[in-house]
Amino acid sequence: MDTWVHTYRNSAWAREMHSHTYKATQRRLTHRLLERAHVLVGCAAHDDQQIYGWLCGETHASRFCLHYVWVHHTMRSMGVGRSLVRRFLVDTERDMPGVVSHLSDIARSLAMQNRVRIPQLTCSYRPYLRYNPMLSVDPDVEVAL
C-alpha cells in the first residue's frame, strides 16, 4: 500500500490535492481496492522477498480494470510491468477492453487520448485502455468502451 500511496502522489491528479487530504483518502481507497481486487507480485525466483513490481486489478463481465501497476525503479524498462499485465490478462482467460482507474504518468502514456493499444500483449483482442477513476470507488459503474 505504501508504494501505491507514495508513487501516485506524483501523478498530475494527486499533485493538485492538499497533502493531508490526499494521504488520508488514498490510503482508505487503496485499502478497499486491495481487499476486493487481485494482486500479482513479480519477485526474484530465489527470494520472494525481493519484489520487482506488483499489479492490482479486477475483471468484470465485459472489461478488466487495472487499478495500479508499480515497478521498482531499478527494474523499469526491463519488461516487469508488461509481464505483470500480460499475466493478469492471461489469468482473466478473456480478451476484453480495459480501463485504468489510477492514471499515473506511466498509465497516461499507455492510455494517452484513451485510444492507444497496450503494446506487445499476447491476447488477440489487444484491448484499448480508457481512464475512469470512478471504478476505484464503484466497480459496477458503466464504462463506455
N, C-alpha and C. Protein backbone atom coordinates (compact mmCIF):
# COMPACT_ATOMS: atom_id res chain seq x y z
N MET A 1 0.82 -1.19 0.00
CA MET A 1 0.00 0.00 0.00
C MET A 1 0.87 1.26 0.00
N ASP A 2 1.96 1.23 0.73
CA ASP A 2 2.80 2.43 0.82
C ASP A 2 3.38 2.84 -0.53
N THR A 3 3.82 1.85 -1.33
CA THR A 3 4.38 2.22 -2.64
C THR A 3 3.31 2.87 -3.51
N TRP A 4 2.07 2.38 -3.45
CA TRP A 4 0.98 2.94 -4.24
C TRP A 4 0.71 4.38 -3.80
N VAL A 5 0.49 4.58 -2.50
CA VAL A 5 0.15 5.91 -2.00
C VAL A 5 1.30 6.88 -2.28
N HIS A 6 2.53 6.44 -2.05
CA HIS A 6 3.68 7.33 -2.25
C HIS A 6 3.91 7.68 -3.72
N THR A 7 3.91 6.69 -4.60
CA THR A 7 4.23 6.97 -6.00
C THR A 7 3.09 7.65 -6.74
N TYR A 8 1.85 7.36 -6.38
CA TYR A 8 0.72 8.02 -7.06
C TYR A 8 0.61 9.48 -6.66
N ARG A 9 1.23 9.85 -5.57
CA ARG A 9 1.24 11.26 -5.13
C ARG A 9 1.84 12.16 -6.20
N ASN A 10 2.72 11.63 -7.04
CA ASN A 10 3.36 12.41 -8.09
C ASN A 10 2.54 12.52 -9.36
N SER A 11 1.37 11.88 -9.40
CA SER A 11 0.54 11.97 -10.61
C SER A 11 -0.06 13.37 -10.74
N ALA A 12 -0.41 13.74 -11.94
CA ALA A 12 -0.98 15.07 -12.19
C ALA A 12 -2.23 15.30 -11.36
N TRP A 13 -3.06 14.26 -11.23
CA TRP A 13 -4.31 14.38 -10.48
C TRP A 13 -4.04 14.61 -9.00
N ALA A 14 -3.17 13.80 -8.41
CA ALA A 14 -2.91 13.87 -6.98
C ALA A 14 -2.10 15.09 -6.59
N ARG A 15 -1.26 15.59 -7.47
CA ARG A 15 -0.45 16.78 -7.15
C ARG A 15 -1.32 17.98 -6.82
N GLU A 16 -2.54 18.01 -7.34
CA GLU A 16 -3.44 19.15 -7.12
C GLU A 16 -4.12 19.12 -5.76
N MET A 17 -4.05 18.00 -5.05
CA MET A 17 -4.71 17.87 -3.76
C MET A 17 -3.81 18.30 -2.62
N HIS A 18 -4.42 18.75 -1.53
CA HIS A 18 -3.69 19.04 -0.31
C HIS A 18 -3.08 17.73 0.18
N SER A 19 -1.86 17.76 0.67
CA SER A 19 -1.13 16.56 1.04
C SER A 19 -1.89 15.71 2.07
N HIS A 20 -2.41 16.33 3.11
CA HIS A 20 -3.13 15.59 4.15
C HIS A 20 -4.38 14.91 3.58
N THR A 21 -5.12 15.64 2.77
CA THR A 21 -6.34 15.09 2.16
C THR A 21 -5.99 13.91 1.26
N TYR A 22 -4.96 14.08 0.45
CA TYR A 22 -4.54 13.00 -0.45
C TYR A 22 -4.18 11.75 0.34
N LYS A 23 -3.31 11.88 1.30
CA LYS A 23 -2.83 10.70 2.04
C LYS A 23 -3.97 9.98 2.75
N ALA A 24 -4.84 10.73 3.41
CA ALA A 24 -5.94 10.10 4.16
C ALA A 24 -6.91 9.38 3.23
N THR A 25 -7.32 10.04 2.16
CA THR A 25 -8.31 9.42 1.26
C THR A 25 -7.69 8.32 0.41
N GLN A 26 -6.47 8.50 -0.06
CA GLN A 26 -5.83 7.49 -0.91
C GLN A 26 -5.53 6.23 -0.11
N ARG A 27 -5.16 6.35 1.12
CA ARG A 27 -4.92 5.16 1.96
C ARG A 27 -6.20 4.37 2.13
N ARG A 28 -7.31 5.06 2.41
CA ARG A 28 -8.59 4.35 2.56
C ARG A 28 -9.00 3.67 1.28
N LEU A 29 -8.89 4.40 0.16
CA LEU A 29 -9.27 3.85 -1.14
C LEU A 29 -8.38 2.66 -1.51
N THR A 30 -7.09 2.80 -1.33
CA THR A 30 -6.15 1.74 -1.65
C THR A 30 -6.44 0.49 -0.81
N HIS A 31 -6.72 0.68 0.45
CA HIS A 31 -7.04 -0.44 1.32
C HIS A 31 -8.28 -1.19 0.82
N ARG A 32 -9.31 -0.47 0.43
CA ARG A 32 -10.53 -1.10 -0.10
C ARG A 32 -10.24 -1.87 -1.39
N LEU A 33 -9.45 -1.26 -2.27
CA LEU A 33 -9.13 -1.93 -3.53
C LEU A 33 -8.31 -3.20 -3.30
N LEU A 34 -7.36 -3.15 -2.40
CA LEU A 34 -6.54 -4.32 -2.13
C LEU A 34 -7.36 -5.46 -1.51
N GLU A 35 -8.45 -5.12 -0.83
CA GLU A 35 -9.33 -6.14 -0.27
C GLU A 35 -10.17 -6.83 -1.34
N ARG A 36 -10.60 -6.10 -2.37
CA ARG A 36 -11.54 -6.67 -3.33
C ARG A 36 -10.91 -7.11 -4.65
N ALA A 37 -9.77 -6.56 -5.01
CA ALA A 37 -9.16 -6.84 -6.32
C ALA A 37 -8.08 -7.91 -6.20
N HIS A 38 -7.55 -8.30 -7.35
CA HIS A 38 -6.45 -9.27 -7.41
C HIS A 38 -5.13 -8.52 -7.37
N VAL A 39 -4.16 -9.10 -6.73
CA VAL A 39 -2.82 -8.53 -6.69
C VAL A 39 -1.84 -9.58 -7.19
N LEU A 40 -1.06 -9.21 -8.19
CA LEU A 40 0.02 -10.06 -8.69
C LEU A 40 1.34 -9.43 -8.29
N VAL A 41 2.27 -10.24 -7.84
CA VAL A 41 3.57 -9.73 -7.41
C VAL A 41 4.65 -10.39 -8.25
N GLY A 42 5.54 -9.57 -8.80
CA GLY A 42 6.71 -10.07 -9.51
C GLY A 42 7.89 -10.03 -8.56
N CYS A 43 8.53 -11.17 -8.36
CA CYS A 43 9.66 -11.23 -7.43
C CYS A 43 10.76 -12.14 -7.97
N ALA A 44 11.88 -12.13 -7.29
CA ALA A 44 13.01 -12.98 -7.68
C ALA A 44 12.63 -14.44 -7.45
N ALA A 45 13.03 -15.30 -8.37
CA ALA A 45 12.72 -16.73 -8.26
C ALA A 45 13.35 -17.35 -7.02
N HIS A 46 14.51 -16.88 -6.63
CA HIS A 46 15.23 -17.45 -5.50
C HIS A 46 14.91 -16.77 -4.17
N ASP A 47 14.19 -15.62 -4.22
CA ASP A 47 13.90 -14.88 -2.98
C ASP A 47 12.60 -14.10 -3.17
N ASP A 48 11.50 -14.64 -2.64
CA ASP A 48 10.21 -13.99 -2.84
C ASP A 48 10.05 -12.70 -2.03
N GLN A 49 11.06 -12.34 -1.25
CA GLN A 49 11.05 -11.06 -0.53
C GLN A 49 11.66 -9.94 -1.38
N GLN A 50 12.29 -10.30 -2.48
CA GLN A 50 12.88 -9.31 -3.39
C GLN A 50 11.85 -9.00 -4.47
N ILE A 51 11.07 -7.96 -4.23
CA ILE A 51 9.94 -7.64 -5.10
C ILE A 51 10.38 -6.69 -6.22
N TYR A 52 10.07 -7.09 -7.45
CA TYR A 52 10.39 -6.28 -8.63
C TYR A 52 9.23 -5.35 -8.98
N GLY A 53 8.02 -5.78 -8.73
CA GLY A 53 6.85 -4.97 -9.05
C GLY A 53 5.58 -5.69 -8.67
N TRP A 54 4.45 -5.01 -8.79
CA TRP A 54 3.16 -5.62 -8.49
C TRP A 54 2.06 -4.93 -9.30
N LEU A 55 0.93 -5.61 -9.39
CA LEU A 55 -0.22 -5.11 -10.13
C LEU A 55 -1.47 -5.35 -9.29
N CYS A 56 -2.36 -4.39 -9.29
CA CYS A 56 -3.67 -4.54 -8.64
C CYS A 56 -4.72 -4.32 -9.73
N GLY A 57 -5.60 -5.30 -9.91
CA GLY A 57 -6.62 -5.20 -10.95
C GLY A 57 -7.78 -6.13 -10.68
N GLU A 58 -8.85 -5.93 -11.42
CA GLU A 58 -10.01 -6.81 -11.29
C GLU A 58 -10.71 -6.92 -12.63
N THR A 59 -11.52 -7.96 -12.76
CA THR A 59 -12.25 -8.16 -14.00
C THR A 59 -13.75 -8.18 -13.72
N HIS A 60 -14.48 -7.82 -14.76
CA HIS A 60 -15.94 -7.86 -14.74
C HIS A 60 -16.37 -8.56 -16.03
N ALA A 61 -17.63 -8.73 -16.22
CA ALA A 61 -18.13 -9.48 -17.37
C ALA A 61 -17.65 -8.92 -18.70
N SER A 62 -17.57 -7.61 -18.82
CA SER A 62 -17.28 -7.02 -20.13
C SER A 62 -15.95 -6.29 -20.21
N ARG A 63 -15.18 -6.21 -19.12
CA ARG A 63 -13.94 -5.45 -19.16
C ARG A 63 -13.06 -5.84 -17.99
N PHE A 64 -11.79 -5.43 -18.09
CA PHE A 64 -10.89 -5.55 -16.95
C PHE A 64 -10.52 -4.16 -16.50
N CYS A 65 -10.12 -4.03 -15.27
CA CYS A 65 -9.70 -2.73 -14.73
C CYS A 65 -8.35 -2.89 -14.07
N LEU A 66 -7.38 -2.15 -14.57
CA LEU A 66 -6.07 -2.06 -13.92
C LEU A 66 -6.14 -0.88 -12.96
N HIS A 67 -6.03 -1.17 -11.68
CA HIS A 67 -6.06 -0.07 -10.71
C HIS A 67 -4.68 0.56 -10.59
N TYR A 68 -3.65 -0.27 -10.51
CA TYR A 68 -2.32 0.31 -10.39
C TYR A 68 -1.27 -0.75 -10.71
N VAL A 69 -0.21 -0.33 -11.33
CA VAL A 69 0.95 -1.19 -11.58
C VAL A 69 2.16 -0.42 -11.07
N TRP A 70 2.93 -1.07 -10.23
CA TRP A 70 4.14 -0.46 -9.70
C TRP A 70 5.33 -1.35 -10.02
N VAL A 71 6.42 -0.72 -10.45
CA VAL A 71 7.67 -1.44 -10.72
C VAL A 71 8.79 -0.68 -10.01
N HIS A 72 9.63 -1.42 -9.31
CA HIS A 72 10.77 -0.82 -8.61
C HIS A 72 11.62 -0.06 -9.61
N HIS A 73 12.09 1.11 -9.22
CA HIS A 73 12.81 1.98 -10.16
C HIS A 73 14.02 1.31 -10.80
N THR A 74 14.65 0.37 -10.12
CA THR A 74 15.81 -0.31 -10.71
C THR A 74 15.42 -1.35 -11.75
N MET A 75 14.14 -1.69 -11.81
CA MET A 75 13.67 -2.73 -12.73
C MET A 75 12.85 -2.16 -13.89
N ARG A 76 12.71 -0.85 -13.95
CA ARG A 76 11.90 -0.25 -15.02
C ARG A 76 12.59 -0.41 -16.37
N SER A 77 11.79 -0.48 -17.41
CA SER A 77 12.24 -0.69 -18.79
C SER A 77 12.86 -2.07 -18.98
N MET A 78 12.50 -3.01 -18.12
CA MET A 78 13.01 -4.37 -18.24
C MET A 78 11.88 -5.37 -18.48
N GLY A 79 10.67 -4.87 -18.72
CA GLY A 79 9.55 -5.74 -19.04
C GLY A 79 8.77 -6.27 -17.85
N VAL A 80 9.07 -5.81 -16.65
CA VAL A 80 8.38 -6.30 -15.46
C VAL A 80 6.91 -5.91 -15.50
N GLY A 81 6.62 -4.65 -15.74
CA GLY A 81 5.23 -4.19 -15.81
C GLY A 81 4.45 -4.88 -16.91
N ARG A 82 5.07 -5.00 -18.09
CA ARG A 82 4.43 -5.70 -19.22
C ARG A 82 4.12 -7.15 -18.86
N SER A 83 5.07 -7.80 -18.18
CA SER A 83 4.86 -9.19 -17.78
C SER A 83 3.71 -9.32 -16.79
N LEU A 84 3.62 -8.41 -15.86
CA LEU A 84 2.52 -8.44 -14.89
C LEU A 84 1.18 -8.24 -15.58
N VAL A 85 1.11 -7.27 -16.49
CA VAL A 85 -0.15 -7.02 -17.21
C VAL A 85 -0.49 -8.23 -18.08
N ARG A 86 0.49 -8.76 -18.76
CA ARG A 86 0.26 -9.93 -19.60
C ARG A 86 -0.27 -11.09 -18.76
N ARG A 87 0.34 -11.34 -17.62
CA ARG A 87 -0.11 -12.43 -16.74
C ARG A 87 -1.53 -12.18 -16.23
N PHE A 88 -1.81 -10.95 -15.88
CA PHE A 88 -3.15 -10.60 -15.42
C PHE A 88 -4.19 -10.89 -16.49
N LEU A 89 -3.88 -10.53 -17.74
CA LEU A 89 -4.81 -10.78 -18.84
C LEU A 89 -4.96 -12.26 -19.13
N VAL A 90 -3.88 -13.02 -19.01
CA VAL A 90 -3.96 -14.46 -19.21
C VAL A 90 -4.83 -15.08 -18.12
N ASP A 91 -4.67 -14.61 -16.90
CA ASP A 91 -5.46 -15.14 -15.78
C ASP A 91 -6.95 -14.86 -15.94
N THR A 92 -7.30 -13.79 -16.66
CA THR A 92 -8.73 -13.49 -16.84
C THR A 92 -9.36 -14.46 -17.84
N GLU A 93 -8.53 -15.11 -18.65
CA GLU A 93 -8.98 -16.07 -19.67
C GLU A 93 -9.97 -15.46 -20.65
N ARG A 94 -9.92 -14.17 -20.82
CA ARG A 94 -10.80 -13.49 -21.77
C ARG A 94 -10.04 -12.38 -22.46
N ASP A 95 -10.44 -12.10 -23.68
CA ASP A 95 -9.97 -10.90 -24.37
C ASP A 95 -11.06 -9.86 -24.19
N MET A 96 -10.73 -8.75 -23.61
CA MET A 96 -11.74 -7.74 -23.34
C MET A 96 -11.12 -6.36 -23.29
N PRO A 97 -11.94 -5.33 -23.45
CA PRO A 97 -11.43 -3.97 -23.32
C PRO A 97 -10.99 -3.70 -21.88
N GLY A 98 -10.14 -2.70 -21.73
CA GLY A 98 -9.62 -2.40 -20.40
C GLY A 98 -9.80 -0.97 -19.99
N VAL A 99 -9.75 -0.77 -18.67
CA VAL A 99 -9.92 0.53 -18.05
C VAL A 99 -8.82 0.71 -17.02
N VAL A 100 -8.37 1.93 -16.83
CA VAL A 100 -7.40 2.29 -15.81
C VAL A 100 -8.10 3.20 -14.80
N SER A 101 -8.01 2.86 -13.51
CA SER A 101 -8.67 3.70 -12.50
C SER A 101 -7.74 4.74 -11.90
N HIS A 102 -6.45 4.51 -11.95
CA HIS A 102 -5.47 5.46 -11.41
C HIS A 102 -4.53 5.84 -12.55
N LEU A 103 -4.65 7.05 -13.01
CA LEU A 103 -3.88 7.49 -14.18
C LEU A 103 -2.57 8.13 -13.74
N SER A 104 -1.58 7.29 -13.51
CA SER A 104 -0.24 7.80 -13.21
C SER A 104 0.36 8.31 -14.52
N ASP A 105 1.50 8.92 -14.44
CA ASP A 105 2.14 9.41 -15.66
C ASP A 105 2.46 8.26 -16.61
N ILE A 106 2.82 7.09 -16.06
CA ILE A 106 3.11 5.93 -16.90
C ILE A 106 1.82 5.38 -17.50
N ALA A 107 0.77 5.28 -16.69
CA ALA A 107 -0.51 4.82 -17.23
C ALA A 107 -1.04 5.78 -18.28
N ARG A 108 -0.78 7.06 -18.08
CA ARG A 108 -1.21 8.06 -19.06
C ARG A 108 -0.55 7.78 -20.41
N SER A 109 0.71 7.37 -20.39
CA SER A 109 1.38 7.09 -21.66
C SER A 109 0.75 5.88 -22.34
N LEU A 110 0.22 4.93 -21.55
CA LEU A 110 -0.46 3.77 -22.13
C LEU A 110 -1.86 4.11 -22.63
N ALA A 111 -2.54 4.99 -21.90
CA ALA A 111 -3.93 5.29 -22.22
C ALA A 111 -4.10 6.65 -22.90
N MET A 112 -3.00 7.21 -23.40
CA MET A 112 -3.00 8.54 -24.00
C MET A 112 -4.15 8.69 -24.99
N GLN A 113 -4.92 9.72 -24.78
CA GLN A 113 -6.07 10.05 -25.63
C GLN A 113 -7.09 8.91 -25.66
N ASN A 114 -7.04 8.04 -24.66
CA ASN A 114 -8.00 6.94 -24.49
C ASN A 114 -8.04 5.96 -25.66
N ARG A 115 -7.11 5.99 -26.57
CA ARG A 115 -7.20 5.11 -27.75
C ARG A 115 -5.88 4.45 -28.12
N VAL A 116 -4.94 4.38 -27.22
CA VAL A 116 -3.66 3.76 -27.54
C VAL A 116 -3.71 2.29 -27.13
N ARG A 117 -3.29 1.42 -28.00
CA ARG A 117 -3.28 -0.01 -27.69
C ARG A 117 -2.19 -0.34 -26.68
N ILE A 118 -2.46 -1.35 -25.87
CA ILE A 118 -1.42 -1.82 -24.95
C ILE A 118 -0.36 -2.50 -25.80
N PRO A 119 0.89 -2.07 -25.70
CA PRO A 119 1.92 -2.64 -26.57
C PRO A 119 2.32 -4.05 -26.19
N GLN A 120 2.59 -4.86 -27.18
CA GLN A 120 3.24 -6.16 -27.05
C GLN A 120 2.50 -7.14 -26.14
N LEU A 121 1.17 -7.10 -26.13
CA LEU A 121 0.44 -8.10 -25.36
C LEU A 121 0.11 -9.27 -26.26
N THR A 122 -0.03 -10.42 -25.66
CA THR A 122 -0.23 -11.62 -26.44
C THR A 122 -1.71 -11.94 -26.69
N CYS A 123 -2.63 -11.22 -26.07
CA CYS A 123 -4.05 -11.54 -26.28
C CYS A 123 -4.47 -11.08 -27.68
N SER A 124 -5.42 -11.78 -28.24
CA SER A 124 -5.83 -11.50 -29.62
C SER A 124 -6.63 -10.21 -29.74
N TYR A 125 -7.32 -9.81 -28.69
CA TYR A 125 -8.16 -8.61 -28.75
C TYR A 125 -7.33 -7.34 -28.77
N ARG A 126 -6.17 -7.38 -28.13
CA ARG A 126 -5.32 -6.19 -27.98
C ARG A 126 -6.14 -5.02 -27.48
N PRO A 127 -6.59 -5.08 -26.24
CA PRO A 127 -7.55 -4.10 -25.73
C PRO A 127 -7.00 -2.69 -25.65
N TYR A 128 -7.92 -1.77 -25.78
CA TYR A 128 -7.61 -0.37 -25.53
C TYR A 128 -7.78 -0.10 -24.04
N LEU A 129 -7.09 0.88 -23.53
CA LEU A 129 -7.29 1.31 -22.15
C LEU A 129 -8.02 2.65 -22.14
N ARG A 130 -9.01 2.75 -21.28
CA ARG A 130 -9.69 4.01 -21.04
C ARG A 130 -9.50 4.37 -19.57
N TYR A 131 -9.56 5.65 -19.28
CA TYR A 131 -9.40 6.13 -17.91
C TYR A 131 -10.76 6.38 -17.29
N ASN A 132 -11.02 5.79 -16.13
CA ASN A 132 -12.24 6.06 -15.39
C ASN A 132 -11.95 5.89 -13.89
N PRO A 133 -11.71 7.01 -13.18
CA PRO A 133 -11.38 6.91 -11.76
C PRO A 133 -12.55 6.43 -10.91
N MET A 134 -13.77 6.51 -11.40
CA MET A 134 -14.93 6.08 -10.63
C MET A 134 -14.91 4.58 -10.35
N LEU A 135 -14.20 3.81 -11.16
CA LEU A 135 -14.14 2.36 -10.95
C LEU A 135 -13.37 2.00 -9.69
N SER A 136 -12.56 2.90 -9.18
CA SER A 136 -11.88 2.62 -7.93
C SER A 136 -12.84 2.73 -6.75
N VAL A 137 -13.91 3.49 -6.92
CA VAL A 137 -14.91 3.65 -5.87
C VAL A 137 -16.02 2.64 -6.02
N ASP A 138 -16.51 2.47 -7.26
CA ASP A 138 -17.63 1.57 -7.52
C ASP A 138 -17.32 0.73 -8.76
N PRO A 139 -17.05 -0.56 -8.58
CA PRO A 139 -16.68 -1.39 -9.72
C PRO A 139 -17.82 -1.65 -10.71
N ASP A 140 -19.04 -1.32 -10.34
CA ASP A 140 -20.19 -1.57 -11.21
C ASP A 140 -20.58 -0.36 -12.07
N VAL A 141 -19.75 0.69 -12.05
CA VAL A 141 -20.03 1.86 -12.89
C VAL A 141 -19.99 1.45 -14.35
N GLU A 142 -20.95 1.95 -15.13
CA GLU A 142 -20.95 1.68 -16.56
C GLU A 142 -19.77 2.40 -17.21
N VAL A 143 -19.15 1.73 -18.13
CA VAL A 143 -17.98 2.29 -18.81
C VAL A 143 -18.20 2.26 -20.31
N ALA A 144 -18.02 3.40 -20.95
CA ALA A 144 -18.08 3.43 -22.41
C ALA A 144 -16.81 2.81 -22.95
N LEU A 145 -16.97 1.73 -23.69
CA LEU A 145 -15.80 1.04 -24.23
C LEU A 145 -15.73 1.31 -25.67
